[in-house]
Amino acid sequence: MSTESVLRIVWIYPDLLSTYGDRGNMLILAHRARMRGIPAETYEVRSDQPMPSTADIYLIGGGEDGPQALAAQRLIADGGVHRAVAQGSAVLAICAGYQLFGHSFFAKGAKYAGLGLLDLDSDRGETRAVGELQGEMDPRLGLPPLTGFENHGGRTHLGPGVSPLARVSAGIGNDGQTEGAWHGKILGTYSHGPALARNPAIADLLLRWATGADSLAPVDDTWADALRAERLAAASV
């Protein structure tokens, strides 16, 4: 890995979990860091490689049932993500990656053990959730409304050890009422888009957590704001 002065961003298992442009989350994080003069290095760690435990931010994306189950099994056996979280690293988990950070999830018609890093369990819903996703973020995070695209068959049930990331105003999210979850420096969401293109404030929150900064220098978000306005309007139609 790199020196301590460089922000280290790891994309977990892109060979297994990478749908709907989730790689964009890694690119956006690195770009927003560099725009502020923060050196950033990105690492794509495949499922046949050991997971480093000393990076600053970890990203995991969505995927199909088989790869999701395999990813969970390998991450549990590896233990690197658990060590990273214990050391204070930040995490953004999307869709299937979000589910596998919980205690359990369903894939290929069977129940699988998750990483247990978020107090939640996921099962199958009666219908598939597809379309625009929108919600009011937990006010403690100080973030503007969430916008995203969801495409999943799961329903996620939160335990007392996590808080909902948002309250749903459009779409399904976890269960039609809440969307995503967060605890400590771990954020989970069903939002694709990619999530950080639609929600750059979440990217900046992760950067603040990773660097320990109370605030970040402003950047030009003209295009991001235009995208957000368009998608928020689309979800309200």
C-alpha atoms as a PDB file:
ATOM      1  CA  MET A   1       0.000   0.000   0.000  1.00  0.00           C
ATOM      2  CA  SER A   2       1.001   3.640  -0.014  1.00  0.00           C
ATOM      3  CA  THR A   3       2.305   6.107   2.529  1.00  0.00           C
ATOM      4  CA  GLU A   4       0.076   7.369   5.318  1.00  0.00           C
ATOM      5  CA  SER A   5      -0.301  10.812   3.687  1.00  0.00           C
ATOM      6  CA  VAL A   6      -2.175   9.299   0.733  1.00  0.00           C
ATOM      7  CA  LEU A   7      -5.878   8.471   0.865  1.00  0.00           C
ATOM      8  CA  ARG A   8      -6.230   4.776   0.060  1.00  0.00           C
ATOM      9  CA  ILE A   9      -9.487   3.619  -1.545  1.00  0.00           C
ATOM     10  CA  VAL A  10     -10.220  -0.096  -2.060  1.00  0.00           C
ATOM     11  CA  TRP A  11     -12.871  -1.479  -4.378  1.00  0.00           C
ATOM     12  CA  ILE A  12     -13.829  -4.908  -3.040  1.00  0.00           C
ATOM     13  CA  TYR A  13     -14.135  -7.795  -5.516  1.00  0.00           C
ATOM     14  CA  PRO A  14     -14.927  -5.967  -8.771  1.00  0.00           C
ATOM     15  CA  ASP A  15     -14.799  -9.357 -10.526  1.00  0.00           C
ATOM     16  CA  LEU A  16     -17.857 -10.486  -8.541  1.00  0.00           C
ATOM     17  CA  LEU A  17     -19.799  -7.381  -7.539  1.00  0.00           C
ATOM     18  CA  SER A  18     -19.962  -4.588 -10.102  1.00  0.00           C
ATOM     19  CA  THR A  19     -23.315  -3.636 -11.611  1.00  0.00           C
ATOM     20  CA  TYR A  20     -25.032  -0.440 -12.733  1.00  0.00           C
ATOM     21  CA  GLY A  21     -21.824   1.585 -12.850  1.00  0.00           C
ATOM     22  CA  ASP A  22     -20.819   1.010  -9.223  1.00  0.00           C
ATOM     23  CA  ARG A  23     -17.152   1.429 -10.213  1.00  0.00           C
ATOM     24  CA  GLY A  24     -18.001   5.102 -10.607  1.00  0.00           C
ATOM     25  CA  ASN A  25     -18.126   5.425  -6.818  1.00  0.00           C
ATOM     26  CA  MET A  26     -14.391   4.754  -6.632  1.00  0.00           C
ATOM     27  CA  LEU A  27     -13.624   7.215  -9.435  1.00  0.00           C
ATOM     28  CA  ILE A  28     -15.764   9.958  -7.887  1.00  0.00           C
ATOM     29  CA  LEU A  29     -14.231   9.578  -4.433  1.00  0.00           C
ATOM     30  CA  ALA A  30     -10.706   9.801  -5.801  1.00  0.00           C
ATOM     31  CA  HIS A  31     -11.602  12.770  -8.020  1.00  0.00           C
ATOM     32  CA  ARG A  32     -13.255  14.734  -5.227  1.00  0.00           C
ATOM     33  CA  ALA A  33     -10.274  14.113  -2.983  1.00  0.00           C
ATOM     34  CA  ARG A  34      -7.760  15.233  -5.610  1.00  0.00           C
ATOM     35  CA  MET A  35      -9.761  18.374  -6.427  1.00  0.00           C
ATOM     36  CA  ARG A  36      -9.063  19.396  -2.842  1.00  0.00           C
ATOM     37  CA  GLY A  37      -5.360  18.602  -3.001  1.00  0.00           C
ATOM     38  CA  ILE A  38      -5.707  15.273  -1.159  1.00  0.00           C
ATOM     39  CA  PRO A  39      -3.549  12.631  -2.876  1.00  0.00           C
ATOM     40  CA  ALA A  40      -5.599   9.484  -3.499  1.00  0.00           C
ATOM     41  CA  GLU A  41      -4.737   6.006  -4.685  1.00  0.00           C
ATOM     42  CA  THR A  42      -7.278   3.377  -5.765  1.00  0.00           C
ATOM     43  CA  TYR A  43      -6.928  -0.388  -5.516  1.00  0.00           C
ATOM     44  CA  GLU A  44      -9.165  -2.969  -7.174  1.00  0.00           C
ATOM     45  CA  VAL A  45      -8.887  -6.140  -5.071  1.00  0.00           C
ATOM     46  CA  ARG A  46     -10.206  -9.231  -6.826  1.00  0.00           C
ATOM     47  CA  SER A  47     -11.761 -12.200  -5.079  1.00  0.00           C
ATOM     48  CA  ASP A  48      -8.621 -14.331  -5.488  1.00  0.00           C
ATOM     49  CA  GLN A  49      -6.451 -11.723  -3.733  1.00  0.00           C
ATOM     50  CA  PRO A  50      -5.995 -11.040  -0.004  1.00  0.00           C
ATOM     51  CA  MET A  51      -7.962  -8.049   1.263  1.00  0.00           C
ATOM     52  CA  PRO A  52      -5.738  -5.281   2.702  1.00  0.00           C
ATOM     53  CA  SER A  53      -6.852  -4.086   6.107  1.00  0.00           C
ATOM     54  CA  THR A  54      -5.111  -0.693   6.248  1.00  0.00           C
ATOM     55  CA  ALA A  55      -6.936   1.337   3.573  1.00  0.00           C
ATOM     56  CA  ASP A  56      -9.016   4.407   4.424  1.00  0.00           C
ATOM     57  CA  ILE A  57     -12.212   3.748   2.453  1.00  0.00           C
ATOM     58  CA  TYR A  58     -13.690   0.454   1.209  1.00  0.00           C
ATOM     59  CA  LEU A  59     -16.334   0.224  -1.532  1.00  0.00           C
ATOM     60  CA  ILE A  60     -18.426  -2.770  -2.506  1.00  0.00           C
ATOM     61  CA  GLY A  61     -21.044  -2.915  -5.245  1.00  0.00           C
ATOM     62  CA  GLY A  62     -24.059  -4.869  -6.412  1.00  0.00           C
ATOM     63  CA  GLY A  63     -24.209  -8.190  -8.194  1.00  0.00           C
ATOM     64  CA  GLU A  64     -26.133 -11.380  -8.854  1.00  0.00           C
ATOM     65  CA  ASP A  65     -26.939 -14.090  -6.311  1.00  0.00           C
ATOM     66  CA  GLY A  66     -24.084 -16.488  -7.054  1.00  0.00           C
ATOM     67  CA  PRO A  67     -21.300 -13.889  -6.949  1.00  0.00           C
ATOM     68  CA  GLN A  68     -22.870 -12.325  -3.854  1.00  0.00           C
ATOM     69  CA  ALA A  69     -22.794 -15.621  -1.957  1.00  0.00           C
ATOM     70  CA  LEU A  70     -19.227 -16.347  -3.081  1.00  0.00           C
ATOM     71  CA  ALA A  71     -18.086 -12.850  -2.104  1.00  0.00           C
ATOM     72  CA  ALA A  72     -19.535 -13.217   1.395  1.00  0.00           C
ATOM     73  CA  GLN A  73     -17.868 -16.569   1.925  1.00  0.00           C
ATOM     74  CA  ARG A  74     -14.471 -15.306   0.787  1.00  0.00           C
ATOM     75  CA  LEU A  75     -14.648 -12.077   2.774  1.00  0.00           C
ATOM     76  CA  ILE A  76     -15.580 -13.966   5.941  1.00  0.00           C
ATOM     77  CA  ALA A  77     -12.681 -16.358   5.440  1.00  0.00           C
ATOM     78  CA  ASP A  78     -10.252 -13.529   4.627  1.00  0.00           C
ATOM     79  CA  GLY A  79     -11.111 -11.283   7.579  1.00  0.00           C
ATOM     80  CA  GLY A  80      -9.475  -8.195   6.080  1.00  0.00           C
ATOM     81  CA  VAL A  81     -12.638  -6.091   5.980  1.00  0.00           C
ATOM     82  CA  HIS A  82     -13.417  -6.925   9.603  1.00  0.00           C
ATOM     83  CA  ARG A  83      -9.939  -5.789  10.632  1.00  0.00           C
ATOM     84  CA  ALA A  84     -10.282  -2.595   8.595  1.00  0.00           C
ATOM     85  CA  VAL A  85     -13.621  -1.690  10.192  1.00  0.00           C
ATOM     86  CA  ALA A  86     -12.206  -2.418  13.650  1.00  0.00           C
ATOM     87  CA  GLN A  87      -9.366   0.013  12.875  1.00  0.00           C
ATOM     88  CA  GLY A  88     -11.793   2.777  11.845  1.00  0.00           C
ATOM     89  CA  SER A  89     -11.933   2.567   8.051  1.00  0.00           C
ATOM     90  CA  ALA A  90     -14.986   3.961   6.246  1.00  0.00           C
ATOM     91  CA  VAL A  91     -17.223   1.761   4.071  1.00  0.00           C
ATOM     92  CA  LEU A  92     -19.832   2.341   1.367  1.00  0.00           C
ATOM     93  CA  ALA A  93     -21.788  -0.833   0.545  1.00  0.00           C
ATOM     94  CA  ILE A  94     -24.239  -0.930  -2.368  1.00  0.00           C
ATOM     95  CA  CYS A  95     -27.167  -3.322  -2.985  1.00  0.00           C
ATOM     96  CA  ALA A  96     -25.857  -6.928  -2.805  1.00  0.00           C
ATOM     97  CA  GLY A  97     -22.785  -5.581  -1.031  1.00  0.00           C
ATOM     98  CA  TYR A  98     -25.082  -3.844   1.455  1.00  0.00           C
ATOM     99  CA  GLN A  99     -26.976  -7.069   2.128  1.00  0.00           C
ATOM    100  CA  LEU A 100     -23.843  -9.125   2.716  1.00  0.00           C
ATOM    101  CA  PHE A 101     -22.603  -6.649   5.337  1.00  0.00           C
ATOM    102  CA  GLY A 102     -25.554  -7.774   7.482  1.00  0.00           C
ATOM    103  CA  HIS A 103     -26.020 -10.972   9.458  1.00  0.00           C
ATOM    104  CA  SER A 104     -27.723 -12.948   6.684  1.00  0.00           C
ATOM    105  CA  PHE A 105     -29.171 -12.724   3.182  1.00  0.00           C
ATOM    106  CA  PHE A 106     -30.880 -14.976   0.650  1.00  0.00           C
ATOM    107  CA  ALA A 107     -29.243 -15.993  -2.625  1.00  0.00           C
ATOM    108  CA  LYS A 108     -30.015 -18.831  -5.027  1.00  0.00           C
ATOM    109  CA  GLY A 109     -32.980 -19.808  -2.840  1.00  0.00           C
ATOM    110  CA  ALA A 110     -30.882 -20.353   0.274  1.00  0.00           C
ATOM    111  CA  LYS A 111     -29.914 -18.366   3.353  1.00  0.00           C
ATOM    112  CA  TYR A 112     -26.267 -17.301   3.638  1.00  0.00           C
ATOM    113  CA  ALA A 113     -24.259 -15.836   6.479  1.00  0.00           C
ATOM    114  CA  GLY A 114     -23.133 -12.247   6.001  1.00  0.00           C
ATOM    115  CA  LEU A 115     -20.213 -10.360   7.508  1.00  0.00           C
ATOM    116  CA  GLY A 116     -22.222  -9.236  10.532  1.00  0.00           C
ATOM    117  CA  LEU A 117     -20.811  -5.711  10.379  1.00  0.00           C
ATOM    118  CA  LEU A 118     -24.290  -4.149  10.175  1.00  0.00           C
ATOM    119  CA  ASP A 119     -27.170  -5.213  12.427  1.00  0.00           C
ATOM    120  CA  LEU A 120     -29.606  -6.250   9.700  1.00  0.00           C
ATOM    121  CA  ASP A 121     -30.930  -9.264   7.804  1.00  0.00           C
ATOM    122  CA  SER A 122     -32.225  -9.491   4.245  1.00  0.00           C
ATOM    123  CA  ASP A 123     -34.731 -11.823   2.617  1.00  0.00           C
ATOM    124  CA  ARG A 124     -36.843 -11.894  -0.539  1.00  0.00           C
ATOM    125  CA  GLY A 125     -39.741  -9.560  -1.245  1.00  0.00           C
ATOM    126  CA  GLU A 126     -42.943 -10.497  -3.043  1.00  0.00           C
ATOM    127  CA  THR A 127     -42.118  -8.086  -5.870  1.00  0.00           C
ATOM    128  CA  ARG A 128     -38.938  -6.725  -7.384  1.00  0.00           C
ATOM    129  CA  ALA A 129     -38.033  -3.120  -6.573  1.00  0.00           C
ATOM    130  CA  VAL A 130     -37.070  -1.336  -9.789  1.00  0.00           C
ATOM    131  CA  GLY A 131     -36.935   2.393 -10.493  1.00  0.00           C
ATOM    132  CA  GLU A 132     -36.132   5.734  -8.948  1.00  0.00           C
ATOM    133  CA  LEU A 133     -35.335   5.779  -5.236  1.00  0.00           C
ATOM    134  CA  GLN A 134     -35.572   8.893  -3.090  1.00  0.00           C
ATOM    135  CA  GLY A 135     -35.640   9.716   0.602  1.00  0.00           C
ATOM    136  CA  GLU A 136     -34.882  12.160   3.389  1.00  0.00           C
ATOM    137  CA  MET A 137     -31.534  11.370   4.979  1.00  0.00           C
ATOM    138  CA  ASP A 138     -31.025  10.837   8.696  1.00  0.00           C
ATOM    139  CA  PRO A 139     -30.647  14.441   9.942  1.00  0.00           C
ATOM    140  CA  ARG A 140     -27.672  13.473  12.096  1.00  0.00           C
ATOM    141  CA  LEU A 141     -25.661  12.965   8.907  1.00  0.00           C
ATOM    142  CA  GLY A 142     -26.356  16.505   7.698  1.00  0.00           C
ATOM    143  CA  LEU A 143     -26.920  15.416   4.089  1.00  0.00           C
ATOM    144  CA  PRO A 144     -29.400  16.495   1.395  1.00  0.00           C
ATOM    145  CA  PRO A 145     -32.080  14.066   0.128  1.00  0.00           C
ATOM    146  CA  LEU A 146     -30.956  10.723  -1.269  1.00  0.00           C
ATOM    147  CA  THR A 147     -31.472   9.978  -4.952  1.00  0.00           C
ATOM    148  CA  GLY A 148     -30.706   6.737  -6.727  1.00  0.00           C
ATOM    149  CA  PHE A 149     -31.824   3.896  -8.952  1.00  0.00           C
ATOM    150  CA  GLU A 150     -32.789   0.579  -7.373  1.00  0.00           C
ATOM    151  CA  ASN A 151     -33.109  -2.888  -8.910  1.00  0.00           C
ATOM    152  CA  HIS A 152     -33.323  -5.657  -6.326  1.00  0.00           C
ATOM    153  CA  GLY A 153     -35.577  -8.435  -5.124  1.00  0.00           C
ATOM    154  CA  GLY A 154     -34.591  -8.202  -1.474  1.00  0.00           C
ATOM    155  CA  ARG A 155     -36.165  -6.707   1.600  1.00  0.00           C
ATOM    156  CA  THR A 156     -33.908  -5.646   4.449  1.00  0.00           C
ATOM    157  CA  HIS A 157     -34.878  -5.625   8.121  1.00  0.00           C
ATOM    158  CA  LEU A 158     -32.910  -3.362  10.447  1.00  0.00           C
ATOM    159  CA  GLY A 159     -31.965  -4.290  13.996  1.00  0.00           C
ATOM    160  CA  PRO A 160     -31.458  -1.890  16.901  1.00  0.00           C
ATOM    161  CA  GLY A 161     -27.735  -1.615  16.201  1.00  0.00           C
ATOM    162  CA  VAL A 162     -28.160   0.444  13.021  1.00  0.00           C
ATOM    163  CA  SER A 163     -30.095   3.512  11.898  1.00  0.00           C
ATOM    164  CA  PRO A 164     -31.922   3.926   8.575  1.00  0.00           C
ATOM    165  CA  LEU A 165     -29.903   5.928   6.097  1.00  0.00           C
ATOM    166  CA  ALA A 166     -33.087   7.580   4.810  1.00  0.00           C
ATOM    167  CA  ARG A 167     -36.875   7.632   5.036  1.00  0.00           C
ATOM    168  CA  VAL A 168     -38.356   6.650   1.681  1.00  0.00           C
ATOM    169  CA  SER A 169     -40.356   9.204  -0.281  1.00  0.00           C
ATOM    170  CA  ALA A 170     -40.191   7.343  -3.619  1.00  0.00           C
ATOM    171  CA  GLY A 171     -39.326   3.726  -4.354  1.00  0.00           C
ATOM    172  CA  ILE A 172     -38.922   0.765  -1.998  1.00  0.00           C
ATOM    173  CA  GLY A 173     -35.436   0.737  -0.436  1.00  0.00           C
ATOM    174  CA  ASN A 174     -35.417  -1.639   2.525  1.00  0.00           C
ATOM    175  CA  ASP A 175     -39.158  -2.092   2.892  1.00  0.00           C
ATOM    176  CA  GLY A 176     -41.033   0.872   1.427  1.00  0.00           C
ATOM    177  CA  GLN A 177     -40.494   2.874   4.608  1.00  0.00           C
ATOM    178  CA  THR A 178     -36.750   3.077   5.148  1.00  0.00           C
ATOM    179  CA  GLU A 179     -33.769   2.920   2.828  1.00  0.00           C
ATOM    180  CA  GLY A 180     -30.266   1.736   3.643  1.00  0.00           C
ATOM    181  CA  ALA A 181     -28.558   1.733   7.009  1.00  0.00           C
ATOM    182  CA  TRP A 182     -25.575   3.233   8.777  1.00  0.00           C
ATOM    183  CA  HIS A 183     -23.545   2.615  11.879  1.00  0.00           C
ATOM    184  CA  GLY A 184     -20.203   4.145  12.791  1.00  0.00           C
ATOM    185  CA  LYS A 185     -18.396   4.740   9.526  1.00  0.00           C
ATOM    186  CA  ILE A 186     -20.344   2.149   7.503  1.00  0.00           C
ATOM    187  CA  LEU A 187     -23.047   3.270   5.050  1.00  0.00           C
ATOM    188  CA  GLY A 188     -25.246   0.797   3.171  1.00  0.00           C
ATOM    189  CA  THR A 189     -27.771   1.621   0.451  1.00  0.00           C
ATOM    190  CA  TYR A 190     -29.682   0.120  -2.466  1.00  0.00           C
ATOM    191  CA  SER A 191     -28.871   3.230  -4.506  1.00  0.00           C
ATOM    192  CA  HIS A 192     -27.114   2.779  -7.837  1.00  0.00           C
ATOM    193  CA  GLY A 193     -26.608   5.539 -10.334  1.00  0.00           C
ATOM    194  CA  PRO A 194     -23.729   5.348  -9.321  1.00  0.00           C
ATOM    195  CA  ALA A 195     -24.675   6.449  -5.815  1.00  0.00           C
ATOM    196  CA  LEU A 196     -21.909   9.026  -5.403  1.00  0.00           C
ATOM    197  CA  ALA A 197     -22.576  10.669  -8.779  1.00  0.00           C
ATOM    198  CA  ARG A 198     -26.105  11.382  -7.626  1.00  0.00           C
ATOM    199  CA  ASN A 199     -25.098  12.068  -4.024  1.00  0.00           C
ATOM    200  CA  PRO A 200     -21.705  13.804  -3.919  1.00  0.00           C
ATOM    201  CA  ALA A 201     -22.399  14.892  -0.340  1.00  0.00           C
ATOM    202  CA  ILE A 202     -22.130  11.224   0.669  1.00  0.00           C
ATOM    203  CA  ALA A 203     -18.729  11.093  -1.029  1.00  0.00           C
ATOM    204  CA  ASP A 204     -17.638  14.126   0.953  1.00  0.00           C
ATOM    205  CA  LEU A 205     -18.918  12.571   4.187  1.00  0.00           C
ATOM    206  CA  LEU A 206     -16.779   9.489   3.518  1.00  0.00           C
ATOM    207  CA  LEU A 207     -13.801  11.734   2.791  1.00  0.00           C
ATOM    208  CA  ARG A 208     -14.324  13.604   6.061  1.00  0.00           C
ATOM    209  CA  TRP A 209     -14.545  10.359   7.974  1.00  0.00           C
ATOM    210  CA  ALA A 210     -11.416   9.026   6.300  1.00  0.00           C
ATOM    211  CA  THR A 211      -9.323  12.163   6.787  1.00  0.00           C
ATOM    212  CA  GLY A 212     -10.696  13.274  10.138  1.00  0.00           C
ATOM    213  CA  ALA A 213     -11.510  16.708   8.712  1.00  0.00           C
ATOM    214  CA  ASP A 214     -14.473  18.624  10.123  1.00  0.00           C
ATOM    215  CA  SER A 215     -15.076  20.242   6.735  1.00  0.00           C
ATOM    216  CA  LEU A 216     -13.755  20.147   3.172  1.00  0.00           C
ATOM    217  CA  ALA A 217     -13.004  22.952   0.744  1.00  0.00           C
ATOM    218  CA  PRO A 218     -15.940  23.588  -1.625  1.00  0.00           C
ATOM    219  CA  VAL A 219     -15.761  22.341  -5.213  1.00  0.00           C
ATOM    220  CA  ASP A 220     -17.752  23.146  -8.344  1.00  0.00           C
ATOM    221  CA  ASP A 221     -20.836  20.919  -8.233  1.00  0.00           C
ATOM    222  CA  THR A 222     -22.732  22.584 -11.079  1.00  0.00           C
ATOM    223  CA  TRP A 223     -23.144  19.372 -13.066  1.00  0.00           C
ATOM    224  CA  ALA A 224     -23.803  17.214 -10.016  1.00  0.00           C
ATOM    225  CA  ASP A 225     -26.475  19.625  -8.834  1.00  0.00           C
ATOM    226  CA  ALA A 226     -28.112  19.578 -12.278  1.00  0.00           C
ATOM    227  CA  LEU A 227     -28.173  15.765 -12.288  1.00  0.00           C
ATOM    228  CA  ARG A 228     -29.650  15.688  -8.789  1.00  0.00           C
ATOM    229  CA  ALA A 229     -32.350  18.192  -9.655  1.00  0.00           C
ATOM    230  CA  GLU A 230     -33.336  16.202 -12.740  1.00  0.00           C
ATOM    231  CA  ARG A 231     -33.530  12.853 -10.940  1.00  0.00           C
ATOM    232  CA  LEU A 232     -35.278  14.222  -7.853  1.00  0.00           C
ATOM    233  CA  ALA A 233     -37.886  15.774 -10.131  1.00  0.00           C
ATOM    234  CA  ALA A 234     -38.279  12.494 -12.039  1.00  0.00           C
ATOM    235  CA  ALA A 235     -38.930  10.570  -8.821  1.00  0.00           C
ATOM    236  CA  SER A 236     -41.673  12.979  -7.791  1.00  0.00           C
ATOM    237  CA  VAL A 237     -43.674  12.604 -11.009  1.00  0.00           C
END
